Amino acid sequence: MKIEGIKISFLLFLTLTWSKPSHAQIYDSVFFDNVKEYVFHQFGDGFHGNYYTKWDSDELPYYIVFASRSDSIAVPAELKDKVSYDGLYFWHNSGRADSAYSSLKNKGYPAFIYKTWGMSNTRLSYHLVSYPKEAISFVIFHELMHNYIFGYAPRLPYEFNEAVSDILGNYGTMSFATWNLSSWQQKAREQLKLNESLYEVMDTAITKINKKTLNADSIISECNKKLKPLIAKGNSFQRDRFDFEVNNAYLLKNSNYCVNYFLLKEVYLKQKNIYDFLQIIRQLHGDPDECRKILRTYL
């Protein structure tokens, strides 16, 4: 009996050592459920759903290819009919993304391939659940905000869509961490501060390039020098999100986060709660300038 027991123990050891870890071994489903429950409560209006319960089948990132004009931060007019929500081309396939990138570069466009594991389809992946809790919370708030917009503010201009989602990613995460007395409150605060520092640097560069105050190459070089040390301080999610070659296309992609962010931040902080902020967002539609005008009435 003793020998048999040793055999069983040895086989169990081999199983634990050599088998690929199951989702359950690395996935804190209770944490996801707690954040989602908090989001649903804060968003109100019966917003709920079966988000972040299904696993990505192949664990590959999504590839989004951006291209900009060379003299400004803008999608080239001749490519606008190809623009999706996020970029010019969007695939779950690196080969097709590389081909599109090469084609755009050969035509003289500044181009950029962005890889991401967090999408509004709310699929789980090993990569996503490997992030620290403050980053996972950010992703949940950000992507569920996209889903909220699809259902409750579908006329919101896309340039506000990402900025609003980042407001909720940053301040929703801070709100949850404070309410939950989470051990990672300070990490959430550092994440928020670093994100906003990155937005400020990029927004300054975008404004300068679009106003043609200096040569675009020199502005991008200055921007890159300021971004690199900031990104190096970031968590794994922030590095995945921002640590790419800086060019006009990179700034075009990130303009969705930063150009309207600080106006939205003022409005959010004035409301003091997520639900009231979202009631304002639901009023926004049409021309972006008109949206900004409406937002300023709440300051």
C-alpha atoms as a PDB file:
ATOM      1  CA  MET A   1       0.000   0.000   0.000  1.00  0.00           C
ATOM      2  CA  LYS A   2       2.835   2.362   0.844  1.00  0.00           C
ATOM      3  CA  ILE A   3       4.491   1.806  -2.587  1.00  0.00           C
ATOM      4  CA  GLU A   4       1.157   2.340  -4.334  1.00  0.00           C
ATOM      5  CA  GLY A   5       0.721   5.587  -2.398  1.00  0.00           C
ATOM      6  CA  ILE A   6       4.155   6.765  -3.507  1.00  0.00           C
ATOM      7  CA  LYS A   7       3.288   5.953  -7.137  1.00  0.00           C
ATOM      8  CA  ILE A   8       0.065   7.945  -6.936  1.00  0.00           C
ATOM      9  CA  SER A   9       1.854  10.891  -5.302  1.00  0.00           C
ATOM     10  CA  PHE A  10       4.572  10.820  -7.983  1.00  0.00           C
ATOM     11  CA  LEU A  11       2.007  10.709 -10.812  1.00  0.00           C
ATOM     12  CA  LEU A  12       0.116  13.600  -9.234  1.00  0.00           C
ATOM     13  CA  PHE A  13       3.373  15.563  -8.977  1.00  0.00           C
ATOM     14  CA  LEU A  14       4.072  14.976 -12.673  1.00  0.00           C
ATOM     15  CA  THR A  15       0.559  16.069 -13.585  1.00  0.00           C
ATOM     16  CA  LEU A  16       0.862  19.303 -11.613  1.00  0.00           C
ATOM     17  CA  THR A  17       4.355  19.976 -12.904  1.00  0.00           C
ATOM     18  CA  TRP A  18       4.005  19.233 -16.608  1.00  0.00           C
ATOM     19  CA  SER A  19       0.398  19.899 -17.550  1.00  0.00           C
ATOM     20  CA  LYS A  20      -0.596  23.324 -18.852  1.00  0.00           C
ATOM     21  CA  PRO A  21      -2.289  25.333 -16.074  1.00  0.00           C
ATOM     22  CA  SER A  22      -6.061  25.425 -16.405  1.00  0.00           C
ATOM     23  CA  HIS A  23      -7.971  28.687 -16.642  1.00  0.00           C
ATOM     24  CA  ALA A  24      -9.184  28.184 -13.084  1.00  0.00           C
ATOM     25  CA  GLN A  25      -5.618  28.065 -11.770  1.00  0.00           C
ATOM     26  CA  ILE A  26      -4.767  31.537 -13.050  1.00  0.00           C
ATOM     27  CA  TYR A  27      -8.155  33.244 -13.317  1.00  0.00           C
ATOM     28  CA  ASP A  28      -9.584  35.070 -10.303  1.00  0.00           C
ATOM     29  CA  SER A  29     -13.221  34.913 -11.398  1.00  0.00           C
ATOM     30  CA  VAL A  30     -14.397  36.438  -8.091  1.00  0.00           C
ATOM     31  CA  PHE A  31     -12.367  39.577  -8.777  1.00  0.00           C
ATOM     32  CA  PHE A  32     -13.848  39.902 -12.280  1.00  0.00           C
ATOM     33  CA  ASP A  33     -17.353  39.363 -10.883  1.00  0.00           C
ATOM     34  CA  ASN A  34     -16.827  41.994  -8.178  1.00  0.00           C
ATOM     35  CA  VAL A  35     -15.626  44.620 -10.653  1.00  0.00           C
ATOM     36  CA  LYS A  36     -18.475  43.822 -13.071  1.00  0.00           C
ATOM     37  CA  GLU A  37     -21.058  44.016 -10.288  1.00  0.00           C
ATOM     38  CA  TYR A  38     -19.690  47.422  -9.307  1.00  0.00           C
ATOM     39  CA  VAL A  39     -19.774  48.593 -12.953  1.00  0.00           C
ATOM     40  CA  PHE A  40     -23.377  47.444 -13.403  1.00  0.00           C
ATOM     41  CA  HIS A  41     -24.423  49.206 -10.204  1.00  0.00           C
ATOM     42  CA  GLN A  42     -22.649  52.451 -11.145  1.00  0.00           C
ATOM     43  CA  PHE A  43     -23.834  52.481 -14.767  1.00  0.00           C
ATOM     44  CA  GLY A  44     -27.449  51.838 -13.751  1.00  0.00           C
ATOM     45  CA  ASP A  45     -30.347  51.696 -16.235  1.00  0.00           C
ATOM     46  CA  GLY A  46     -30.417  47.911 -16.050  1.00  0.00           C
ATOM     47  CA  PHE A  47     -26.997  47.606 -17.688  1.00  0.00           C
ATOM     48  CA  HIS A  48     -25.878  44.011 -17.198  1.00  0.00           C
ATOM     49  CA  GLY A  49     -24.637  41.068 -19.196  1.00  0.00           C
ATOM     50  CA  ASN A  50     -22.531  37.956 -19.386  1.00  0.00           C
ATOM     51  CA  TYR A  51     -19.226  39.769 -20.007  1.00  0.00           C
ATOM     52  CA  TYR A  52     -15.740  38.295 -19.411  1.00  0.00           C
ATOM     53  CA  THR A  53     -16.920  34.702 -19.114  1.00  0.00           C
ATOM     54  CA  LYS A  54     -15.708  33.233 -22.435  1.00  0.00           C
ATOM     55  CA  TRP A  55     -12.083  32.510 -23.286  1.00  0.00           C
ATOM     56  CA  ASP A  56     -10.344  33.447 -26.513  1.00  0.00           C
ATOM     57  CA  SER A  57      -9.816  30.223 -28.424  1.00  0.00           C
ATOM     58  CA  ASP A  58      -6.330  30.915 -29.786  1.00  0.00           C
ATOM     59  CA  GLU A  59      -4.862  33.507 -27.398  1.00  0.00           C
ATOM     60  CA  LEU A  60      -3.709  35.750 -30.258  1.00  0.00           C
ATOM     61  CA  PRO A  61      -3.823  39.540 -30.019  1.00  0.00           C
ATOM     62  CA  TYR A  62      -5.888  41.670 -32.363  1.00  0.00           C
ATOM     63  CA  TYR A  63      -3.903  43.732 -34.861  1.00  0.00           C
ATOM     64  CA  ILE A  64      -5.083  47.211 -35.813  1.00  0.00           C
ATOM     65  CA  VAL A  65      -3.223  49.138 -38.514  1.00  0.00           C
ATOM     66  CA  PHE A  66      -3.289  52.940 -38.412  1.00  0.00           C
ATOM     67  CA  ALA A  67      -2.136  55.400 -41.079  1.00  0.00           C
ATOM     68  CA  SER A  68      -1.930  59.168 -40.885  1.00  0.00           C
ATOM     69  CA  ARG A  69      -1.190  62.089 -43.087  1.00  0.00           C
ATOM     70  CA  SER A  70       2.477  63.041 -42.905  1.00  0.00           C
ATOM     71  CA  ASP A  71       1.853  66.744 -42.248  1.00  0.00           C
ATOM     72  CA  SER A  72      -0.875  66.389 -39.606  1.00  0.00           C
ATOM     73  CA  ILE A  73      -2.484  63.914 -37.214  1.00  0.00           C
ATOM     74  CA  ALA A  74      -5.395  62.829 -39.400  1.00  0.00           C
ATOM     75  CA  VAL A  75      -6.616  59.910 -41.480  1.00  0.00           C
ATOM     76  CA  PRO A  76      -5.719  60.570 -45.153  1.00  0.00           C
ATOM     77  CA  ALA A  77      -8.906  61.556 -47.030  1.00  0.00           C
ATOM     78  CA  GLU A  78      -8.350  58.902 -49.696  1.00  0.00           C
ATOM     79  CA  LEU A  79      -8.311  56.158 -47.023  1.00  0.00           C
ATOM     80  CA  LYS A  80     -11.357  57.258 -45.027  1.00  0.00           C
ATOM     81  CA  ASP A  81     -13.671  54.757 -46.687  1.00  0.00           C
ATOM     82  CA  LYS A  82     -11.507  51.990 -45.170  1.00  0.00           C
ATOM     83  CA  VAL A  83     -11.635  53.300 -41.605  1.00  0.00           C
ATOM     84  CA  SER A  84     -13.180  51.024 -38.987  1.00  0.00           C
ATOM     85  CA  TYR A  85     -13.946  52.102 -35.427  1.00  0.00           C
ATOM     86  CA  ASP A  86     -10.319  51.963 -34.318  1.00  0.00           C
ATOM     87  CA  GLY A  87      -8.025  52.151 -37.313  1.00  0.00           C
ATOM     88  CA  LEU A  88      -7.753  51.535 -41.006  1.00  0.00           C
ATOM     89  CA  TYR A  89      -7.523  47.769 -40.866  1.00  0.00           C
ATOM     90  CA  PHE A  90      -8.455  45.388 -38.092  1.00  0.00           C
ATOM     91  CA  TRP A  91      -7.486  41.693 -38.015  1.00  0.00           C
ATOM     92  CA  HIS A  92      -6.859  38.717 -35.804  1.00  0.00           C
ATOM     93  CA  ASN A  93      -3.976  37.851 -38.127  1.00  0.00           C
ATOM     94  CA  SER A  94      -0.422  39.226 -37.990  1.00  0.00           C
ATOM     95  CA  GLY A  95       0.387  38.356 -41.622  1.00  0.00           C
ATOM     96  CA  ARG A  96      -2.438  40.454 -43.028  1.00  0.00           C
ATOM     97  CA  ALA A  97      -1.571  43.311 -40.671  1.00  0.00           C
ATOM     98  CA  ASP A  98       2.089  43.220 -41.778  1.00  0.00           C
ATOM     99  CA  SER A  99       1.011  43.250 -45.436  1.00  0.00           C
ATOM    100  CA  ALA A 100      -1.286  46.255 -44.928  1.00  0.00           C
ATOM    101  CA  TYR A 101       1.414  48.069 -42.958  1.00  0.00           C
ATOM    102  CA  SER A 102       4.002  47.521 -45.721  1.00  0.00           C
ATOM    103  CA  SER A 103       1.568  48.664 -48.395  1.00  0.00           C
ATOM    104  CA  LEU A 104       0.759  51.880 -46.533  1.00  0.00           C
ATOM    105  CA  LYS A 105       4.427  52.609 -45.827  1.00  0.00           C
ATOM    106  CA  ASN A 106       5.268  52.084 -49.517  1.00  0.00           C
ATOM    107  CA  LYS A 107       2.618  54.671 -50.400  1.00  0.00           C
ATOM    108  CA  GLY A 108       4.310  57.193 -48.117  1.00  0.00           C
ATOM    109  CA  TYR A 109       1.937  57.162 -45.168  1.00  0.00           C
ATOM    110  CA  PRO A 110       3.208  57.113 -41.579  1.00  0.00           C
ATOM    111  CA  ALA A 111       1.819  53.763 -40.380  1.00  0.00           C
ATOM    112  CA  PHE A 112       1.660  51.821 -37.153  1.00  0.00           C
ATOM    113  CA  ILE A 113       0.513  48.332 -36.068  1.00  0.00           C
ATOM    114  CA  TYR A 114      -1.171  48.165 -32.669  1.00  0.00           C
ATOM    115  CA  LYS A 115      -1.514  44.836 -30.844  1.00  0.00           C
ATOM    116  CA  THR A 116      -4.175  44.456 -28.170  1.00  0.00           C
ATOM    117  CA  TRP A 117      -5.697  41.661 -26.081  1.00  0.00           C
ATOM    118  CA  GLY A 118      -8.519  43.786 -24.643  1.00  0.00           C
ATOM    119  CA  MET A 119     -11.538  44.351 -26.904  1.00  0.00           C
ATOM    120  CA  SER A 120     -15.219  45.177 -26.512  1.00  0.00           C
ATOM    121  CA  ASN A 121     -16.043  41.523 -27.260  1.00  0.00           C
ATOM    122  CA  THR A 122     -14.895  41.016 -23.622  1.00  0.00           C
ATOM    123  CA  ARG A 123     -13.038  37.756 -24.235  1.00  0.00           C
ATOM    124  CA  LEU A 124     -10.720  36.453 -21.543  1.00  0.00           C
ATOM    125  CA  SER A 125      -7.141  35.483 -22.377  1.00  0.00           C
ATOM    126  CA  TYR A 126      -4.073  34.353 -20.444  1.00  0.00           C
ATOM    127  CA  HIS A 127      -2.452  37.648 -21.405  1.00  0.00           C
ATOM    128  CA  LEU A 128      -5.326  39.734 -20.070  1.00  0.00           C
ATOM    129  CA  VAL A 129      -5.604  37.910 -16.742  1.00  0.00           C
ATOM    130  CA  SER A 130      -1.818  38.208 -16.266  1.00  0.00           C
ATOM    131  CA  TYR A 131      -2.150  41.975 -15.791  1.00  0.00           C
ATOM    132  CA  PRO A 132      -2.130  43.443 -12.264  1.00  0.00           C
ATOM    133  CA  LYS A 133      -5.554  44.022 -10.703  1.00  0.00           C
ATOM    134  CA  GLU A 134      -5.583  47.777 -11.269  1.00  0.00           C
ATOM    135  CA  ALA A 135      -4.952  47.171 -14.992  1.00  0.00           C
ATOM    136  CA  ILE A 136      -7.596  44.432 -15.255  1.00  0.00           C
ATOM    137  CA  SER A 137     -10.080  46.765 -13.578  1.00  0.00           C
ATOM    138  CA  PHE A 138      -9.168  49.505 -16.077  1.00  0.00           C
ATOM    139  CA  VAL A 139      -9.771  47.136 -19.007  1.00  0.00           C
ATOM    140  CA  ILE A 140     -13.132  45.977 -17.614  1.00  0.00           C
ATOM    141  CA  PHE A 141     -14.364  49.544 -17.071  1.00  0.00           C
ATOM    142  CA  HIS A 142     -13.040  50.710 -20.449  1.00  0.00           C
ATOM    143  CA  GLU A 143     -14.517  47.875 -22.509  1.00  0.00           C
ATOM    144  CA  LEU A 144     -17.839  47.776 -20.661  1.00  0.00           C
ATOM    145  CA  MET A 145     -18.085  51.524 -21.260  1.00  0.00           C
ATOM    146  CA  HIS A 146     -17.808  50.796 -24.995  1.00  0.00           C
ATOM    147  CA  ASN A 147     -20.663  48.324 -24.639  1.00  0.00           C
ATOM    148  CA  TYR A 148     -22.687  50.866 -22.672  1.00  0.00           C
ATOM    149  CA  ILE A 149     -22.136  53.424 -25.444  1.00  0.00           C
ATOM    150  CA  PHE A 150     -23.282  50.939 -28.102  1.00  0.00           C
ATOM    151  CA  GLY A 151     -26.571  50.528 -26.231  1.00  0.00           C
ATOM    152  CA  TYR A 152     -27.225  53.898 -24.609  1.00  0.00           C
ATOM    153  CA  ALA A 153     -25.247  56.557 -26.505  1.00  0.00           C
ATOM    154  CA  PRO A 154     -24.897  55.157 -30.050  1.00  0.00           C
ATOM    155  CA  ARG A 155     -24.679  58.623 -31.638  1.00  0.00           C
ATOM    156  CA  LEU A 156     -21.612  59.616 -29.628  1.00  0.00           C
ATOM    157  CA  PRO A 157     -18.854  60.677 -32.086  1.00  0.00           C
ATOM    158  CA  TYR A 158     -16.073  58.114 -32.119  1.00  0.00           C
ATOM    159  CA  GLU A 159     -13.377  60.591 -31.105  1.00  0.00           C
ATOM    160  CA  PHE A 160     -15.250  60.872 -27.777  1.00  0.00           C
ATOM    161  CA  ASN A 161     -15.880  57.134 -27.508  1.00  0.00           C
ATOM    162  CA  GLU A 162     -12.332  56.196 -26.494  1.00  0.00           C
ATOM    163  CA  ALA A 163     -11.813  59.274 -24.322  1.00  0.00           C
ATOM    164  CA  VAL A 164     -15.005  58.592 -22.331  1.00  0.00           C
ATOM    165  CA  SER A 165     -13.989  54.946 -21.953  1.00  0.00           C
ATOM    166  CA  ASP A 166     -10.605  56.018 -20.597  1.00  0.00           C
ATOM    167  CA  ILE A 167     -12.268  58.379 -18.108  1.00  0.00           C
ATOM    168  CA  LEU A 168     -14.219  55.386 -16.801  1.00  0.00           C
ATOM    169  CA  GLY A 169     -11.131  53.157 -16.988  1.00  0.00           C
ATOM    170  CA  ASN A 170      -9.150  55.571 -14.847  1.00  0.00           C
ATOM    171  CA  TYR A 171     -11.718  56.995 -12.441  1.00  0.00           C
ATOM    172  CA  GLY A 172     -13.974  53.938 -12.310  1.00  0.00           C
ATOM    173  CA  THR A 173     -10.961  51.867 -11.261  1.00  0.00           C
ATOM    174  CA  MET A 174     -10.053  54.456  -8.611  1.00  0.00           C
ATOM    175  CA  SER A 175     -13.662  54.526  -7.386  1.00  0.00           C
ATOM    176  CA  PHE A 176     -13.849  50.726  -7.154  1.00  0.00           C
ATOM    177  CA  ALA A 177     -10.473  50.435  -5.414  1.00  0.00           C
ATOM    178  CA  THR A 178     -11.494  53.067  -2.827  1.00  0.00           C
ATOM    179  CA  TRP A 179     -14.968  51.594  -2.255  1.00  0.00           C
ATOM    180  CA  ASN A 180     -13.551  48.070  -1.991  1.00  0.00           C
ATOM    181  CA  LEU A 181     -10.675  49.199   0.262  1.00  0.00           C
ATOM    182  CA  SER A 182      -8.414  47.334  -2.154  1.00  0.00           C
ATOM    183  CA  SER A 183      -4.790  46.693  -1.281  1.00  0.00           C
ATOM    184  CA  TRP A 184      -3.872  48.030  -4.734  1.00  0.00           C
ATOM    185  CA  GLN A 185      -5.397  51.536  -4.288  1.00  0.00           C
ATOM    186  CA  GLN A 186      -1.981  53.173  -4.496  1.00  0.00           C
ATOM    187  CA  LYS A 187      -1.154  51.206  -7.663  1.00  0.00           C
ATOM    188  CA  ALA A 188      -4.449  52.374  -9.184  1.00  0.00           C
ATOM    189  CA  ARG A 189      -3.562  55.958  -8.314  1.00  0.00           C
ATOM    190  CA  GLU A 190      -0.122  55.563  -9.929  1.00  0.00           C
ATOM    191  CA  GLN A 191      -1.705  54.030 -13.035  1.00  0.00           C
ATOM    192  CA  LEU A 192      -4.150  56.948 -13.355  1.00  0.00           C
ATOM    193  CA  LYS A 193      -1.421  59.565 -12.847  1.00  0.00           C
ATOM    194  CA  LEU A 194       0.886  57.931 -15.403  1.00  0.00           C
ATOM    195  CA  ASN A 195      -1.906  57.555 -17.977  1.00  0.00           C
ATOM    196  CA  GLU A 196      -2.759  61.236 -17.686  1.00  0.00           C
ATOM    197  CA  SER A 197       0.913  62.227 -17.943  1.00  0.00           C
ATOM    198  CA  LEU A 198       1.149  60.222 -21.180  1.00  0.00           C
ATOM    199  CA  TYR A 199      -2.026  61.854 -22.528  1.00  0.00           C
ATOM    200  CA  GLU A 200      -0.637  65.331 -21.796  1.00  0.00           C
ATOM    201  CA  VAL A 201       2.603  64.656 -23.679  1.00  0.00           C
ATOM    202  CA  MET A 202       0.778  63.221 -26.697  1.00  0.00           C
ATOM    203  CA  ASP A 203      -1.888  65.940 -26.751  1.00  0.00           C
ATOM    204  CA  THR A 204       0.810  68.629 -26.746  1.00  0.00           C
ATOM    205  CA  ALA A 205       2.579  66.957 -29.685  1.00  0.00           C
ATOM    206  CA  ILE A 206      -0.682  66.497 -31.635  1.00  0.00           C
ATOM    207  CA  THR A 207      -1.595  70.171 -31.160  1.00  0.00           C
ATOM    208  CA  LYS A 208       1.845  71.367 -32.264  1.00  0.00           C
ATOM    209  CA  ILE A 209       1.897  69.171 -35.370  1.00  0.00           C
ATOM    210  CA  ASN A 210      -1.614  70.153 -36.421  1.00  0.00           C
ATOM    211  CA  LYS A 211      -0.823  73.849 -35.925  1.00  0.00           C
ATOM    212  CA  LYS A 212       2.433  73.333 -37.898  1.00  0.00           C
ATOM    213  CA  THR A 213       4.402  75.327 -35.334  1.00  0.00           C
ATOM    214  CA  LEU A 214       7.588  73.290 -35.983  1.00  0.00           C
ATOM    215  CA  ASN A 215       8.850  70.526 -38.213  1.00  0.00           C
ATOM    216  CA  ALA A 216       6.783  67.406 -37.436  1.00  0.00           C
ATOM    217  CA  ASP A 217       9.891  65.201 -37.113  1.00  0.00           C
ATOM    218  CA  SER A 218      11.360  67.389 -34.385  1.00  0.00           C
ATOM    219  CA  ILE A 219       8.050  67.440 -32.485  1.00  0.00           C
ATOM    220  CA  ILE A 220       7.822  63.638 -32.661  1.00  0.00           C
ATOM    221  CA  SER A 221      11.429  63.285 -31.507  1.00  0.00           C
ATOM    222  CA  GLU A 222      10.700  65.522 -28.518  1.00  0.00           C
ATOM    223  CA  CYS A 223       7.492  63.589 -27.794  1.00  0.00           C
ATOM    224  CA  ASN A 224       9.339  60.265 -27.945  1.00  0.00           C
ATOM    225  CA  LYS A 225      11.989  61.469 -25.478  1.00  0.00           C
ATOM    226  CA  LYS A 226       9.287  62.440 -22.994  1.00  0.00           C
ATOM    227  CA  LEU A 227       7.178  59.296 -23.449  1.00  0.00           C
ATOM    228  CA  LYS A 228       9.877  56.635 -23.117  1.00  0.00           C
ATOM    229  CA  PRO A 229      10.823  57.225 -19.451  1.00  0.00           C
ATOM    230  CA  LEU A 230       7.153  57.506 -18.506  1.00  0.00           C
ATOM    231  CA  ILE A 231       6.216  54.249 -20.237  1.00  0.00           C
ATOM    232  CA  ALA A 232       9.173  52.499 -18.587  1.00  0.00           C
ATOM    233  CA  LYS A 233       7.554  53.239 -15.209  1.00  0.00           C
ATOM    234  CA  GLY A 234       4.253  51.710 -16.265  1.00  0.00           C
ATOM    235  CA  ASN A 235       2.723  48.347 -15.492  1.00  0.00           C
ATOM    236  CA  SER A 236       2.579  45.558 -18.073  1.00  0.00           C
ATOM    237  CA  PHE A 237      -0.742  46.787 -19.483  1.00  0.00           C
ATOM    238  CA  GLN A 238       0.513  50.345 -19.950  1.00  0.00           C
ATOM    239  CA  ARG A 239       3.626  49.083 -21.725  1.00  0.00           C
ATOM    240  CA  ASP A 240       1.516  46.884 -24.011  1.00  0.00           C
ATOM    241  CA  ARG A 241      -0.688  49.859 -24.793  1.00  0.00           C
ATOM    242  CA  PHE A 242       1.852  52.619 -25.367  1.00  0.00           C
ATOM    243  CA  ASP A 243       5.326  51.159 -25.954  1.00  0.00           C
ATOM    244  CA  PHE A 244       5.515  51.436 -29.767  1.00  0.00           C
ATOM    245  CA  GLU A 245       7.476  53.504 -32.252  1.00  0.00           C
ATOM    246  CA  VAL A 246       6.203  57.097 -32.109  1.00  0.00           C
ATOM    247  CA  ASN A 247       5.115  58.628 -35.420  1.00  0.00           C
ATOM    248  CA  ASN A 248       2.062  60.464 -36.792  1.00  0.00           C
ATOM    249  CA  ALA A 249       0.049  57.220 -36.952  1.00  0.00           C
ATOM    250  CA  TYR A 250       0.905  56.388 -33.325  1.00  0.00           C
ATOM    251  CA  LEU A 251      -0.337  59.828 -32.280  1.00  0.00           C
ATOM    252  CA  LEU A 252      -3.443  59.406 -34.438  1.00  0.00           C
ATOM    253  CA  LYS A 253      -4.319  56.208 -32.597  1.00  0.00           C
ATOM    254  CA  ASN A 254      -3.722  57.757 -29.188  1.00  0.00           C
ATOM    255  CA  SER A 255      -5.532  60.982 -30.079  1.00  0.00           C
ATOM    256  CA  ASN A 256      -8.718  58.991 -29.437  1.00  0.00           C
ATOM    257  CA  TYR A 257      -7.688  58.806 -25.780  1.00  0.00           C
ATOM    258  CA  CYS A 258      -6.238  62.228 -25.148  1.00  0.00           C
ATOM    259  CA  VAL A 259      -7.660  65.005 -27.339  1.00  0.00           C
ATOM    260  CA  ASN A 260     -11.038  65.284 -25.564  1.00  0.00           C
ATOM    261  CA  TYR A 261      -9.966  63.598 -22.340  1.00  0.00           C
ATOM    262  CA  PHE A 262      -9.205  66.640 -20.186  1.00  0.00           C
ATOM    263  CA  LEU A 263     -12.489  68.411 -20.984  1.00  0.00           C
ATOM    264  CA  LEU A 264     -14.345  65.191 -20.139  1.00  0.00           C
ATOM    265  CA  LYS A 265     -12.302  64.863 -16.948  1.00  0.00           C
ATOM    266  CA  GLU A 266     -13.432  68.322 -15.793  1.00  0.00           C
ATOM    267  CA  VAL A 267     -17.061  67.372 -16.430  1.00  0.00           C
ATOM    268  CA  TYR A 268     -16.661  64.020 -14.657  1.00  0.00           C
ATOM    269  CA  LEU A 269     -15.072  65.550 -11.547  1.00  0.00           C
ATOM    270  CA  LYS A 270     -17.802  68.201 -11.413  1.00  0.00           C
ATOM    271  CA  GLN A 271     -20.526  65.513 -11.323  1.00  0.00           C
ATOM    272  CA  LYS A 272     -18.866  63.559  -8.506  1.00  0.00           C
ATOM    273  CA  ASN A 273     -20.425  60.238  -9.565  1.00  0.00           C
ATOM    274  CA  ILE A 274     -20.398  57.922 -12.572  1.00  0.00           C
ATOM    275  CA  TYR A 275     -24.160  57.701 -13.125  1.00  0.00           C
ATOM    276  CA  ASP A 276     -24.695  61.481 -13.498  1.00  0.00           C
ATOM    277  CA  PHE A 277     -21.671  61.740 -15.788  1.00  0.00           C
ATOM    278  CA  LEU A 278     -23.132  59.056 -18.058  1.00  0.00           C
ATOM    279  CA  GLN A 279     -26.458  60.904 -18.309  1.00  0.00           C
ATOM    280  CA  ILE A 280     -24.516  63.825 -19.824  1.00  0.00           C
ATOM    281  CA  ILE A 281     -22.652  61.537 -22.228  1.00  0.00           C
ATOM    282  CA  ARG A 282     -25.959  60.146 -23.473  1.00  0.00           C
ATOM    283  CA  GLN A 283     -26.870  63.646 -24.691  1.00  0.00           C
ATOM    284  CA  LEU A 284     -23.838  63.954 -26.982  1.00  0.00           C
ATOM    285  CA  HIS A 285     -24.201  63.371 -30.716  1.00  0.00           C
ATOM    286  CA  GLY A 286     -23.441  64.919 -34.060  1.00  0.00           C
ATOM    287  CA  ASP A 287     -20.624  67.376 -34.637  1.00  0.00           C
ATOM    288  CA  PRO A 288     -17.689  67.063 -32.180  1.00  0.00           C
ATOM    289  CA  ASP A 289     -17.565  70.853 -31.731  1.00  0.00           C
ATOM    290  CA  GLU A 290     -21.217  70.827 -30.718  1.00  0.00           C
ATOM    291  CA  CYS A 291     -20.442  68.035 -28.229  1.00  0.00           C
ATOM    292  CA  ARG A 292     -17.680  70.119 -26.698  1.00  0.00           C
ATOM    293  CA  LYS A 293     -20.059  73.079 -26.460  1.00  0.00           C
ATOM    294  CA  ILE A 294     -22.612  70.934 -24.591  1.00  0.00           C
ATOM    295  CA  LEU A 295     -19.946  69.599 -22.233  1.00  0.00           C
ATOM    296  CA  ARG A 296     -18.763  73.122 -21.321  1.00  0.00           C
ATOM    297  CA  THR A 297     -22.272  73.999 -20.086  1.00  0.00           C
ATOM    298  CA  TYR A 298     -21.693  71.520 -17.249  1.00  0.00           C
ATOM    299  CA  LEU A 299     -18.547  73.219 -15.979  1.00  0.00           C
END
